[in-house]
C-alpha cells in the first residue's frame, strides 16, 4: 500500500510538471449573433508560465496605421486597440485575458479562424468560433441613427471624389467630347468657307478642252464614216472653250458671229484655226459634203493648236521683283491655268 501511494504521487508530480510549461488558448464571444456594423468582444484567455512573454501572431503582423486586422476575407475586423489583463494562478502560472473589439460589415455566418499564440517556449491554437452576422433591414423612410460616421478612406486621393460612372463609361464621354469637337470645327469651317469638306478645284477651260479632244480622237468617228458626228462634237468642244475662256456665248452664235467676236478679241491672230474648223463643219452638217481625211485631220490639229496657243500664261514678273506664288520661273513656258 505504501509503494502504491508513492507511485501515485510520482505520477501526479510528472503530470503537474508536464502541465506547468504548456500554453493553452480559449476563445469566446460575448455574442454569437451580431447586427451588421455593430461591435462585440472577442475574449481570448491565455494560460502560460510566468516570465515567458508571448503574443498573438495576427497582432504582431498587423499594420499599426490601419488599426485593425481583417479576417474572413476582411468581412470581419479585429481592432488592435485591445485590452489585456493578467491574473495570477499560483504555482508560477498566469492567465492573460484579451478583450478584442470585433466588428462585421458583411452579413452571413462566418467561421472565425483558430488564433495562434506564441510564447517563449511554446505555442498554442485557440478553438474555432462561429459568428452569425444579421443584415440591417432598412427602408428609405427609416431614420439614420446609432451608426458610426462615415470614415475617411485609406490613402486618400483627389480621385476619390470622381463618381464611379466616370470610371465605367469614360469611353462614352470621350466619344461625346470628340463628336462635340468635330461639330464645332465643322460649323466654323462652314461659316468661313461655305463648305465643310474642301472642294476639289474645277478643271480649267484648257484642261476640259484638251481632255474632250483626246476622247474625241480615241472614238475614231470619221474613220468609221461618221463625219457629221465628228464635226458636231469638235465644234461643240470649241464653242464651250470659247465660252469659258473668253466669255463668248458661242453655243448660241452662228459661225459668222463667232468669227466677228474673235476679230475684236485679243486672239484675232488665231482666228484662222477656228475659221477652217467652222467652214468644214458647216459644209458637212448643212451641205452634207464628205470631207477628205486630210480635212478631218487638219480640223482636229487646228482645234488643238487654238487651245494650246490661247491658254493663259502666267505673267512674268519685272526684273528684280519677286515672282508671284504659283508662277512659272522666268524663261520657262507656263502651264495652263
Protein backbone atom coordinates (compact mmCIF):
# COMPACT_ATOMS: atom_id res chain seq x y z
CA UNK A 1 0.00 0.00 0.00
CA UNK A 2 2.83 2.34 0.85
CA UNK A 3 4.51 1.65 -2.51
CA UNK A 4 1.24 2.28 -4.31
CA UNK A 5 0.88 5.72 -2.72
CA UNK A 6 4.43 6.60 -3.67
CA UNK A 7 3.82 5.66 -7.34
CA UNK A 8 0.60 7.73 -7.41
CA UNK A 9 2.46 10.74 -6.04
CA UNK A 10 5.16 10.38 -8.70
CA UNK A 11 2.56 10.25 -11.47
CA UNK A 12 0.83 13.40 -10.17
CA UNK A 13 4.12 15.24 -9.94
CA UNK A 14 5.05 14.27 -13.50
CA UNK A 15 1.62 15.33 -14.77
CA UNK A 16 1.89 18.65 -12.94
CA UNK A 17 5.37 19.19 -14.32
CA UNK A 18 4.12 18.49 -17.86
CA UNK A 19 1.25 20.93 -17.48
CA UNK A 20 3.48 23.60 -15.93
CA UNK A 21 5.18 24.60 -19.18
CA UNK A 22 2.20 24.13 -21.52
CA UNK A 23 0.34 27.11 -23.12
CA UNK A 24 -3.41 26.98 -23.68
CA UNK A 25 -5.72 29.42 -25.50
CA UNK A 26 -9.51 29.60 -25.19
CA UNK A 27 -11.64 31.83 -27.42
CA UNK A 28 -15.13 33.10 -26.57
CA UNK A 29 -17.55 35.67 -27.99
CA UNK A 30 -19.78 37.93 -25.96
CA UNK A 31 -22.49 37.22 -28.53
CA UNK A 32 -22.57 34.78 -31.43
CA UNK A 33 -25.30 36.83 -33.12
CA UNK A 34 -24.26 40.31 -34.24
CA UNK A 35 -26.09 43.04 -36.12
CA UNK A 36 -24.05 44.09 -39.15
CA UNK A 37 -21.97 47.15 -38.32
CA UNK A 38 -22.22 46.73 -34.55
CA UNK A 39 -19.42 45.81 -32.16
CA UNK A 40 -18.94 42.79 -29.92
CA UNK A 41 -15.98 41.47 -27.92
CA UNK A 42 -13.76 38.52 -28.69
CA UNK A 43 -12.36 37.13 -25.41
CA UNK A 44 -9.07 35.24 -25.65
CA UNK A 45 -7.85 33.52 -22.45
CA UNK A 46 -4.19 32.52 -22.44
CA UNK A 47 -2.70 30.35 -19.67
CA UNK A 48 1.10 30.09 -19.53
CA UNK A 49 4.10 30.21 -17.21
CA UNK A 50 5.24 33.41 -15.62
CA UNK A 51 8.13 35.32 -17.09
CA UNK A 52 7.71 33.94 -20.63
CA UNK A 53 6.48 36.76 -22.85
CA UNK A 54 4.35 35.94 -25.86
CA UNK A 55 1.61 37.25 -28.12
CA UNK A 56 -0.81 36.52 -30.92
CA UNK A 57 0.76 36.29 -34.37
CA UNK A 58 -2.04 38.18 -36.08
CA UNK A 59 -1.46 41.28 -33.92
CA UNK A 60 2.31 41.13 -34.32
CA UNK A 61 1.97 41.27 -38.11
CA UNK A 62 -0.73 43.95 -38.12
CA UNK A 63 -0.16 47.34 -39.72
CA UNK A 64 -0.30 49.93 -36.92
CA UNK A 65 -1.57 52.57 -39.33
CA UNK A 66 -4.69 50.54 -40.17
CA UNK A 67 -5.69 49.89 -36.59
CA UNK A 68 -7.35 46.55 -37.27
CA UNK A 69 -6.77 43.03 -38.54
CA UNK A 70 -9.07 41.62 -41.20
CA UNK A 71 -10.28 38.03 -41.04
CA UNK A 72 -12.74 36.02 -43.12
CA UNK A 73 -11.76 37.93 -46.24
CA UNK A 74 -11.82 41.30 -44.43
CA UNK A 75 -15.54 40.86 -43.75
CA UNK A 76 -14.71 40.95 -40.02
CA UNK A 77 -12.32 43.37 -38.38
CA UNK A 78 -10.45 42.82 -35.09
CA UNK A 79 -9.28 46.08 -33.55
CA UNK A 80 -5.65 46.27 -32.46
CA UNK A 81 -6.65 48.56 -29.60
CA UNK A 82 -7.48 45.59 -27.36
CA UNK A 83 -7.21 45.25 -23.55
CA UNK A 84 -5.14 42.61 -21.78
CA UNK A 85 -5.44 41.78 -18.04
CA UNK A 86 -3.22 39.33 -16.19
CA UNK A 87 -4.46 37.09 -13.34
CA UNK A 88 -2.16 35.12 -11.00
CA UNK A 89 -2.99 31.40 -10.89
CA UNK A 90 -0.28 30.44 -8.40
CA UNK A 91 2.42 27.80 -8.85
CA UNK A 92 4.26 30.05 -11.34
CA UNK A 93 1.26 30.19 -13.75
CA UNK A 94 -0.71 33.19 -15.04
CA UNK A 95 -3.82 33.79 -17.12
CA UNK A 96 -3.91 36.69 -19.64
CA UNK A 97 -7.38 37.85 -20.65
CA UNK A 98 -7.50 39.62 -24.04
CA UNK A 99 -10.62 41.66 -24.85
CA UNK A 100 -10.57 42.39 -28.59
CA UNK A 101 -13.29 44.60 -30.19
CA UNK A 102 -14.84 42.84 -33.18
CA UNK A 103 -16.94 44.43 -35.94
CA UNK A 104 -18.56 42.87 -39.03
CA UNK A 105 -19.55 44.61 -42.26
CA UNK A 106 -20.97 41.69 -44.26
CA UNK A 107 -23.98 39.61 -43.32
CA UNK A 108 -23.88 35.83 -43.12
CA UNK A 109 -22.44 33.05 -40.98
CA UNK A 110 -18.67 33.17 -40.56
CA UNK A 111 -16.29 30.63 -39.02
CA UNK A 112 -13.52 32.50 -37.28
CA UNK A 113 -10.01 31.06 -37.63
CA UNK A 114 -8.02 29.49 -34.84
CA UNK A 115 -5.94 32.20 -33.18
CA UNK A 116 -2.27 31.26 -32.76
CA UNK A 117 -0.42 32.34 -29.60
CA UNK A 118 3.35 32.05 -29.43
CA UNK A 119 5.31 32.32 -26.16
CA UNK A 120 8.99 31.99 -25.41
CA UNK A 121 8.89 28.19 -25.04
CA UNK A 122 5.61 27.04 -26.59
CA UNK A 123 2.74 27.90 -28.92
CA UNK A 124 -0.95 27.08 -28.96
CA UNK A 125 -4.06 27.45 -31.08
CA UNK A 126 -7.44 28.53 -29.84
CA UNK A 127 -10.69 26.78 -30.55
CA UNK A 128 -12.65 27.87 -33.68
CA UNK A 129 -15.74 30.08 -33.30
CA UNK A 130 -18.84 30.68 -35.40
CA UNK A 131 -20.34 34.15 -35.75
CA UNK A 132 -23.74 34.91 -37.27
CA UNK A 133 -23.96 38.45 -38.69
CA UNK A 134 -27.52 39.69 -39.17
CA UNK A 135 -28.13 42.19 -42.01
CA UNK A 136 -29.63 45.59 -41.27
CA UNK A 137 -33.16 45.88 -42.64
CA UNK A 138 -33.85 49.48 -43.54
CA UNK A 139 -36.15 51.38 -45.86
CA UNK A 140 -35.84 54.77 -47.45
CA UNK A 141 -38.01 56.30 -44.72
CA UNK A 142 -36.05 54.91 -41.77
CA UNK A 143 -34.06 57.48 -39.81
CA UNK A 144 -30.31 57.02 -39.72
CA UNK A 145 -29.23 56.68 -36.10
CA UNK A 146 -26.98 54.51 -33.97
CA UNK A 147 -24.35 54.05 -36.65
CA UNK A 148 -20.80 55.27 -36.80
CA UNK A 149 -19.92 58.17 -39.01
CA UNK A 150 -18.50 57.56 -42.45
CA UNK A 151 -14.76 57.10 -42.14
CA UNK A 152 -12.23 58.63 -44.48
CA UNK A 153 -10.75 56.11 -46.95
CA UNK A 154 -7.20 54.89 -46.54
CA UNK A 155 -4.56 56.54 -48.75
CA UNK A 156 -7.00 59.29 -49.64
CA UNK A 157 -6.62 60.76 -53.14
CA UNK A 158 -8.23 63.55 -55.12
CA UNK A 159 -9.60 60.85 -57.45
CA UNK A 160 -11.83 59.56 -54.64
CA UNK A 161 -14.21 62.41 -55.44
CA UNK A 162 -14.65 61.21 -59.03
CA UNK A 163 -18.01 59.37 -59.46
CA UNK A 164 -17.82 55.67 -60.28
CA UNK A 165 -19.78 56.11 -63.51
CA UNK A 166 -16.91 58.20 -64.88
CA UNK A 167 -14.59 55.23 -64.50
CA UNK A 168 -17.12 52.81 -66.02
CA UNK A 169 -18.19 54.92 -69.02
CA UNK A 170 -15.09 57.04 -69.74
CA UNK A 171 -15.07 55.84 -73.35
CA UNK A 172 -18.63 57.12 -73.90
CA UNK A 173 -17.62 60.52 -72.52
CA UNK A 174 -14.56 60.55 -74.80
CA UNK A 175 -16.71 59.82 -77.87
CA UNK A 176 -19.16 62.58 -76.93
CA UNK A 177 -16.34 65.10 -76.45
CA UNK A 178 -14.80 64.15 -79.81
CA UNK A 179 -18.19 64.49 -81.51
CA UNK A 180 -18.68 67.95 -79.98
CA UNK A 181 -15.18 68.97 -81.09
CA UNK A 182 -15.80 67.78 -84.66
CA UNK A 183 -19.17 69.58 -84.75
CA UNK A 184 -17.65 72.88 -83.60
CA UNK A 185 -14.81 72.56 -86.14
CA UNK A 186 -17.28 71.78 -88.94
CA UNK A 187 -19.51 74.76 -88.08
CA UNK A 188 -16.57 77.18 -88.04
CA UNK A 189 -15.27 75.84 -91.34
CA UNK A 190 -18.71 76.06 -92.93
CA UNK A 191 -19.17 79.68 -91.81
CA UNK A 192 -15.71 80.62 -93.07
CA UNK A 193 -15.57 78.73 -96.39
CA UNK A 194 -19.21 77.82 -97.07
CA UNK A 195 -18.46 74.12 -97.02
CA UNK A 196 -17.23 71.52 -94.56
CA UNK A 197 -15.12 69.43 -96.92
CA UNK A 198 -12.60 71.11 -99.13
CA UNK A 199 -13.89 71.42 -102.68
CA UNK A 200 -11.92 69.78 -105.41
CA UNK A 201 -10.65 72.51 -107.77
CA UNK A 202 -12.58 72.62 -111.01
CA UNK A 203 -10.58 71.93 -114.19
CA UNK A 204 -9.63 74.96 -116.27
CA UNK A 205 -11.17 75.54 -119.72
CA UNK A 206 -7.87 74.44 -121.24
CA UNK A 207 -7.87 71.15 -119.30
CA UNK A 208 -11.51 70.44 -120.21
CA UNK A 209 -10.95 71.16 -123.90
CA UNK A 210 -7.80 69.01 -124.16
CA UNK A 211 -9.48 66.14 -122.30
CA UNK A 212 -12.50 66.24 -124.61
CA UNK A 213 -10.32 66.47 -127.74
CA UNK A 214 -8.36 63.37 -126.69
CA UNK A 215 -11.60 61.47 -126.06
CA UNK A 216 -12.95 62.53 -129.45
CA UNK A 217 -9.81 61.31 -131.19
CA UNK A 218 -9.98 57.95 -129.44
CA UNK A 219 -13.51 57.30 -130.77
CA UNK A 220 -12.32 57.28 -134.47
CA UNK A 221 -15.64 58.69 -135.69
CA UNK A 222 -14.59 59.99 -139.12
CA UNK A 223 -12.63 56.78 -139.78
CA UNK A 224 -15.97 54.97 -139.42
CA UNK A 225 -17.73 57.32 -141.86
CA UNK A 226 -19.35 59.39 -139.08
CA UNK A 227 -18.05 62.75 -140.27
CA UNK A 228 -21.18 64.65 -139.19
CA UNK A 229 -20.97 63.32 -135.62
CA UNK A 230 -17.25 64.01 -135.62
CA UNK A 231 -17.57 67.70 -136.59
CA UNK A 232 -20.63 68.22 -134.40
CA UNK A 233 -18.63 67.14 -131.35
CA UNK A 234 -15.47 69.01 -132.47
CA UNK A 235 -17.30 72.33 -132.88
CA UNK A 236 -19.12 71.77 -129.57
CA UNK A 237 -15.79 71.39 -127.77
CA UNK A 238 -14.52 74.54 -129.45
CA UNK A 239 -17.65 76.57 -128.61
CA UNK A 240 -17.53 75.52 -124.94
CA UNK A 241 -13.88 76.56 -124.78
CA UNK A 242 -14.65 79.97 -126.29
CA UNK A 243 -17.44 80.47 -123.78
CA UNK A 244 -15.42 79.54 -120.69
CA UNK A 245 -12.10 81.02 -121.82
CA UNK A 246 -13.18 84.31 -123.44
CA UNK A 247 -16.78 84.75 -122.35
CA UNK A 248 -18.06 84.42 -125.91
CA UNK A 249 -21.52 82.82 -125.90
CA UNK A 250 -20.51 80.65 -128.85
CA UNK A 251 -23.13 77.97 -128.18
CA UNK A 252 -25.86 80.42 -129.28
CA UNK A 253 -23.95 82.01 -132.19
CA UNK A 254 -23.54 81.26 -135.85
CA UNK A 255 -20.14 80.69 -137.37
CA UNK A 256 -20.03 84.29 -138.73
CA UNK A 257 -20.92 85.77 -135.32
CA UNK A 258 -18.14 83.74 -133.70
CA UNK A 259 -15.62 84.99 -136.25
CA UNK A 260 -16.73 88.61 -135.69
CA UNK A 261 -16.20 88.29 -131.93
CA UNK A 262 -12.78 86.75 -132.46
CA UNK A 263 -11.81 89.63 -134.77
CA UNK A 264 -12.44 92.07 -131.94
CA UNK A 265 -10.65 89.94 -129.35
CA UNK A 266 -7.03 89.67 -128.21
CA UNK A 267 -6.59 86.42 -130.15
CA UNK A 268 -7.68 87.62 -133.57
CA UNK A 269 -4.41 86.31 -135.00
CA UNK A 270 -5.57 82.79 -134.08
CA UNK A 271 -8.98 83.02 -135.71
CA UNK A 272 -7.84 81.23 -138.88
CA UNK A 273 -7.74 77.98 -136.89
CA UNK A 274 -11.40 78.47 -135.97
CA UNK A 275 -12.36 79.57 -139.50
CA UNK A 276 -11.10 76.32 -141.04
CA UNK A 277 -12.92 74.20 -138.47
CA UNK A 278 -16.24 76.03 -138.75
CA UNK A 279 -16.11 76.15 -142.55
CA UNK A 280 -15.61 72.43 -142.96
CA UNK A 281 -18.17 71.71 -140.23
CA UNK A 282 -20.84 73.84 -141.95
CA UNK A 283 -20.26 72.02 -145.25
CA UNK A 284 -20.56 68.66 -143.57
CA UNK A 285 -23.65 69.47 -141.45
CA UNK A 286 -25.64 71.58 -143.92
CA UNK A 287 -24.35 70.68 -147.42
CA UNK A 288 -23.81 67.02 -146.47
CA UNK A 289 -20.35 67.10 -148.04
CA UNK A 290 -17.94 64.35 -147.06
CA UNK A 291 -14.58 65.95 -146.33
CA UNK A 292 -11.27 64.41 -147.22
CA UNK A 293 -9.30 62.63 -144.49
CA UNK A 294 -6.77 65.44 -144.64
CA UNK A 295 -9.51 67.96 -143.83
CA UNK A 296 -10.60 65.91 -140.82
CA UNK A 297 -7.03 65.70 -139.52
CA UNK A 298 -6.39 69.39 -140.16
CA UNK A 299 -9.57 70.40 -138.30
CA UNK A 300 -8.55 68.41 -135.25
CA UNK A 301 -4.99 69.76 -135.32
CA UNK A 302 -6.28 73.34 -135.67
CA UNK A 303 -8.51 72.85 -132.63
CA UNK A 304 -5.55 71.61 -130.60
CA UNK A 305 -3.37 74.49 -131.81
CA UNK A 306 -6.02 77.08 -130.98
CA UNK A 307 -6.49 75.73 -127.44
CA UNK A 308 -2.75 75.38 -126.82
CA UNK A 309 -1.88 78.83 -128.16
CA UNK A 310 -4.67 80.68 -126.35
CA UNK A 311 -4.34 79.13 -122.88
CA UNK A 312 -3.50 81.61 -120.12
CA UNK A 313 0.21 82.11 -119.46
CA UNK A 314 1.43 83.30 -116.02
CA UNK A 315 2.69 86.86 -116.08
CA UNK A 316 6.47 87.22 -115.95
CA UNK A 317 7.50 89.47 -113.01
CA UNK A 318 9.52 92.58 -113.64
CA UNK A 319 13.29 92.47 -113.28
CA UNK A 320 14.21 92.21 -109.60
CA UNK A 321 10.62 91.68 -108.49
CA UNK A 322 9.57 88.53 -106.67
CA UNK A 323 7.65 86.02 -108.75
CA UNK A 324 4.01 85.60 -107.74
CA UNK A 325 3.17 82.39 -105.93
CA UNK A 326 2.47 79.57 -108.36
CA UNK A 327 4.03 81.38 -111.36
CA UNK A 328 6.48 79.63 -113.68
CA UNK A 329 10.18 80.60 -113.37
CA UNK A 330 11.41 83.25 -115.78
CA UNK A 331 12.44 81.93 -119.13
CA UNK A 332 10.17 78.88 -118.96
CA UNK A 333 6.82 78.50 -120.64
CA UNK A 334 3.95 78.38 -118.15
CA UNK A 335 1.35 75.67 -117.99
CA UNK A 336 -2.38 76.05 -118.47
CA UNK A 337 -4.32 77.95 -115.82
